[in-house]
Amino acid sequence: MPIKFRYLIEDEGYVRIKIDRVIEKRLDRFAGNKMFRYRCEANYSNVLYKI
């Protein structure tokens, strides 16, 4: 389950964004390998992002 990630903003550099909520978790196959894909919701600077 993802908890946080880093995002590069040109003026500020790297910013750590905390995941507030996991909306969807899906198992996919890519080139025969299993991987989980997450759809998340994060709030940064009072803006709601769906990632």
Protein backbone atom coordinates (compact mmCIF):
# COMPACT_ATOMS: atom_id res chain seq x y z
CA MET A 1 0.00 0.00 0.00
CA PRO A 2 1.58 3.31 -1.02
CA ILE A 3 2.07 5.83 1.78
CA LYS A 4 3.93 8.73 0.13
CA PHE A 5 5.87 9.64 -2.99
CA ARG A 6 8.24 12.35 -4.19
CA TYR A 7 7.34 14.75 -6.97
CA LEU A 8 9.68 17.18 -8.75
CA ILE A 9 8.50 20.79 -9.03
CA GLU A 10 10.86 23.05 -10.99
CA ASP A 11 10.86 26.02 -8.59
CA GLU A 12 10.68 24.07 -5.31
CA GLY A 13 12.66 20.89 -6.06
CA TYR A 14 11.43 17.56 -4.74
CA VAL A 15 8.22 17.63 -2.71
CA ARG A 16 6.97 14.71 -0.58
CA ILE A 17 3.25 14.12 -0.99
CA LYS A 18 1.38 11.95 1.52
CA ILE A 19 -1.38 9.68 0.20
CA ASP A 20 -4.62 10.37 2.07
CA ARG A 21 -6.74 7.59 0.64
CA VAL A 22 -6.42 4.60 -1.71
CA ILE A 23 -9.47 4.59 -3.99
CA GLU A 24 -8.75 1.51 -6.11
CA LYS A 25 -6.24 -1.35 -6.18
CA ARG A 26 -5.95 -3.48 -9.33
CA LEU A 27 -3.74 -6.42 -10.32
CA ASP A 28 -2.36 -6.12 -13.87
CA ARG A 29 0.10 -8.09 -15.97
CA PHE A 30 2.82 -6.37 -17.95
CA ALA A 31 5.15 -8.51 -20.07
CA GLY A 32 4.13 -11.55 -18.00
CA ASN A 33 4.89 -9.87 -14.67
CA LYS A 34 2.21 -9.24 -12.07
CA MET A 35 1.99 -5.73 -10.63
CA PHE A 36 -0.46 -3.77 -8.55
CA ARG A 37 -1.83 -0.45 -9.80
CA TYR A 38 -3.22 2.01 -7.30
CA ARG A 39 -5.57 4.95 -7.74
CA CYS A 40 -5.00 7.34 -4.86
CA GLU A 41 -6.17 10.65 -3.47
CA ALA A 42 -3.74 13.21 -2.04
CA ASN A 43 -4.11 16.71 -0.66
CA TYR A 44 -1.22 19.13 -1.23
CA SER A 45 -1.41 22.90 -0.61
CA ASN A 46 -5.20 22.67 -0.22
CA VAL A 47 -5.57 21.12 -3.69
CA LEU A 48 -7.05 17.62 -4.03
CA TYR A 49 -5.16 15.39 -6.49
CA LYS A 50 -6.32 12.02 -7.83
CA ILE A 51 -3.30 10.04 -8.87
